[in-house]
Protein backbone atom coordinates (compact mmCIF):
# COMPACT_ATOMS: atom_id res chain seq x y z
CA UNK A 1 -0.20 -0.21 -0.05
CA UNK A 2 1.41 3.38 -0.91
CA UNK A 3 1.70 6.23 1.40
CA UNK A 4 -1.37 8.11 0.16
CA UNK A 5 -3.34 4.93 0.47
CA UNK A 6 -2.38 4.50 4.08
CA UNK A 7 -3.10 8.09 4.97
CA UNK A 8 -6.68 7.21 3.27
CA UNK A 9 -7.18 3.90 5.26
CA UNK A 10 -6.02 5.66 8.40
CA UNK A 11 -8.36 8.70 7.83
CA UNK A 12 -11.31 6.07 7.02
CA UNK A 13 -10.69 3.72 9.90
CA UNK A 14 -10.42 7.01 12.17
CA UNK A 15 -13.99 7.87 10.84
CA UNK A 16 -15.27 5.36 11.64
CA UNK A 17 -14.40 4.53 15.24
CA UNK A 18 -15.71 8.31 15.38
CA UNK A 19 -18.95 6.81 14.43
CA UNK A 20 -18.53 4.21 16.71
CA UNK A 21 -17.67 6.60 19.85
CA UNK A 22 -21.12 8.21 19.12
CA UNK A 23 -23.28 5.45 19.11
CA UNK A 24 -21.52 4.36 22.46
CA UNK A 25 -22.36 7.92 23.98
CA UNK A 26 -26.05 6.85 22.71
CA UNK A 27 -26.29 3.70 24.38
CA UNK A 28 -24.77 5.76 27.49
CA UNK A 29 -27.08 7.99 27.51
CA UNK A 30 -29.76 5.95 26.81
CA UNK A 31 -28.82 3.84 29.54
CA UNK A 32 -27.35 1.09 28.29
CA UNK A 33 -23.96 1.61 28.94
CA UNK A 34 -22.62 2.54 32.59
CA UNK A 35 -19.56 3.99 30.87
CA UNK A 36 -16.88 3.20 27.93
CA UNK A 37 -13.13 4.28 27.21
CA UNK A 38 -11.56 4.15 23.79
CA UNK A 39 -8.35 1.97 24.27
CA UNK A 40 -4.65 2.61 22.58
CA UNK A 41 -1.67 0.99 22.57
CA UNK A 42 0.83 1.82 25.92
CA UNK A 43 3.16 4.33 25.12
CA UNK A 44 6.05 6.66 26.78
CA UNK A 45 6.03 10.55 26.74
CA UNK A 46 10.08 11.62 25.42
CA UNK A 47 11.58 14.55 27.13
CA UNK A 48 11.12 16.55 23.63
CA UNK A 49 7.28 15.92 23.55
CA UNK A 50 7.17 12.53 21.41
CA UNK A 51 5.31 9.54 22.24
CA UNK A 52 6.47 6.60 21.09
CA UNK A 53 4.17 2.66 22.20
CA UNK A 54 5.84 0.77 23.84
CA UNK A 55 3.60 -2.15 23.37
CA UNK A 56 0.79 -3.44 21.24
CA UNK A 57 -2.84 -1.67 21.08
CA UNK A 58 -5.66 -4.05 22.67
CA UNK A 59 -8.29 -4.29 20.87
CA UNK A 60 -10.34 -0.28 20.30
CA UNK A 61 -13.07 -0.37 22.85
CA UNK A 62 -14.01 -1.35 26.34
CA UNK A 63 -17.46 -0.50 28.37
CA UNK A 64 -19.20 -1.80 31.07
CA UNK A 65 -23.08 -2.22 31.23
CA UNK A 66 -25.47 -0.94 33.75
CA UNK A 67 -25.83 -4.79 34.77
CA UNK A 68 -21.99 -4.51 35.52
CA UNK A 69 -21.20 -6.78 32.45
CA UNK A 70 -18.22 -6.17 30.62
CA UNK A 71 -18.21 -5.62 27.19
CA UNK A 72 -14.85 -5.87 24.75
CA UNK A 73 -15.51 -4.26 21.04
CA UNK A 74 -12.54 -4.21 18.14
CA UNK A 75 -13.65 -2.20 15.24
CA UNK A 76 -12.78 -2.47 11.46
CA UNK A 77 -13.50 -0.67 8.29
CA UNK A 78 -12.80 -1.96 5.38
CA UNK A 79 -13.35 -1.06 1.42
CA UNK A 80 -15.63 -3.44 -0.27
CA UNK A 81 -17.73 -6.61 0.74
CA UNK A 82 -15.87 -8.49 2.85
CA UNK A 83 -13.41 -8.32 5.98
CA UNK A 84 -10.38 -10.37 5.67
CA UNK A 85 -9.69 -12.28 9.15
CA UNK A 86 -6.37 -11.01 8.90
CA UNK A 87 -7.32 -7.44 9.72
CA UNK A 88 -7.92 -8.41 13.54
CA UNK A 89 -4.64 -8.81 14.69
CA UNK A 90 -3.56 -12.29 16.05
CA UNK A 91 -3.49 -10.53 20.03
CA UNK A 92 -6.83 -8.82 19.29
CA UNK A 93 -8.20 -12.16 18.53
CA UNK A 94 -6.86 -13.69 21.26
CA UNK A 95 -8.11 -10.93 23.47
CA UNK A 96 -11.63 -11.51 22.04
CA UNK A 97 -11.70 -15.43 22.28
CA UNK A 98 -10.77 -14.83 25.89
CA UNK A 99 -13.50 -12.96 26.41
CA UNK A 100 -16.07 -15.07 25.35
CA UNK A 101 -19.58 -13.41 25.14
CA UNK A 102 -18.20 -10.25 25.99
CA UNK A 103 -16.50 -9.57 22.69
CA UNK A 104 -17.82 -7.69 20.01
CA UNK A 105 -16.72 -6.98 16.43
CA UNK A 106 -17.69 -3.45 15.17
CA UNK A 107 -17.20 -3.34 11.33
CA UNK A 108 -17.79 -0.45 8.27
CA UNK A 109 -18.13 -2.01 5.14
CA UNK A 110 -17.35 0.56 2.12
CA UNK A 111 -18.75 -0.43 -1.18
CA UNK A 112 -18.39 2.57 -3.64
CA UNK A 113 -21.49 3.27 -5.21
CA UNK A 114 -23.01 2.37 -1.61
CA UNK A 115 -23.93 3.91 1.81
CA UNK A 116 -21.17 2.35 4.20
CA UNK A 117 -23.01 -0.68 6.29
CA UNK A 118 -22.11 -0.86 9.70
CA UNK A 119 -22.85 -3.92 11.99
CA UNK A 120 -21.66 -5.00 15.52
CA UNK A 121 -21.66 -8.81 15.84
CA UNK A 122 -21.13 -10.85 19.23
CA UNK A 123 -17.46 -12.20 18.35
CA UNK A 124 -18.64 -15.47 18.99
CA UNK A 125 -21.47 -15.56 16.45
CA UNK A 126 -18.63 -15.11 13.83
CA UNK A 127 -17.19 -18.03 11.90
CA UNK A 128 -14.81 -20.21 13.51
CA UNK A 129 -12.27 -20.08 11.02
CA UNK A 130 -12.42 -16.32 11.53
CA UNK A 131 -12.20 -15.96 15.26
CA UNK A 132 -9.28 -18.46 15.41
CA UNK A 133 -7.48 -17.35 12.51
CA UNK A 134 -7.18 -19.85 9.84
CA UNK A 135 -5.14 -18.30 7.04
CA UNK A 136 -6.98 -16.29 3.96
CA UNK A 137 -10.61 -16.62 6.23
CA UNK A 138 -12.78 -13.78 5.68
CA UNK A 139 -16.37 -12.77 6.95
CA UNK A 140 -18.50 -11.38 3.81
CA UNK A 141 -21.15 -8.24 4.62
CA UNK A 142 -24.32 -10.00 3.69
CA UNK A 143 -23.30 -12.67 6.73
CA UNK A 144 -23.67 -9.86 8.85
CA UNK A 145 -27.36 -8.37 8.04
CA UNK A 146 -29.01 -9.75 11.05
CA UNK A 147 -26.09 -7.55 13.10
CA UNK A 148 -26.75 -3.79 11.30
CA UNK A 149 -25.63 -1.56 14.04
CA UNK A 150 -29.27 0.73 13.88
CA UNK A 151 -30.02 3.02 16.58
CA UNK A 152 -32.15 0.08 18.18
CA UNK A 153 -29.01 -2.17 18.75
CA UNK A 154 -28.09 -3.82 22.60
CA UNK A 155 -25.13 -5.15 24.08
CA UNK A 156 -25.89 -8.07 26.11
């Protein structure tokens, strides 16, 4: 991927993460979530003001429902109609697999000429090949129709 393509992909991913944050805020205001946080890689602040990562980033969001259940969400945005399993890093898959029913995948499919399709999928409902890192596994947008992230979505 060229530098310009990487920059565009990062920009589009950041836009989806802002949308996810908006939706998580809506769930908090509606009373479904007690709190939520965006989580990043551990970092070290240098004296000259630079910040350098010191480890790998966990899943993107952690939250807690009003009734005390944990929530762990990894967010991915992709061009086209399939999400490659390789988009979810090995350590993120391990974290989601360990989380069991608390793990979720927020995914955005950007298909040219169509509005984005966004879904919030319980991790355990994704195909096993995708969850456990079988090479070249993927999940298609059409497999996730039942999980479209609409206003009425509930976590738990």
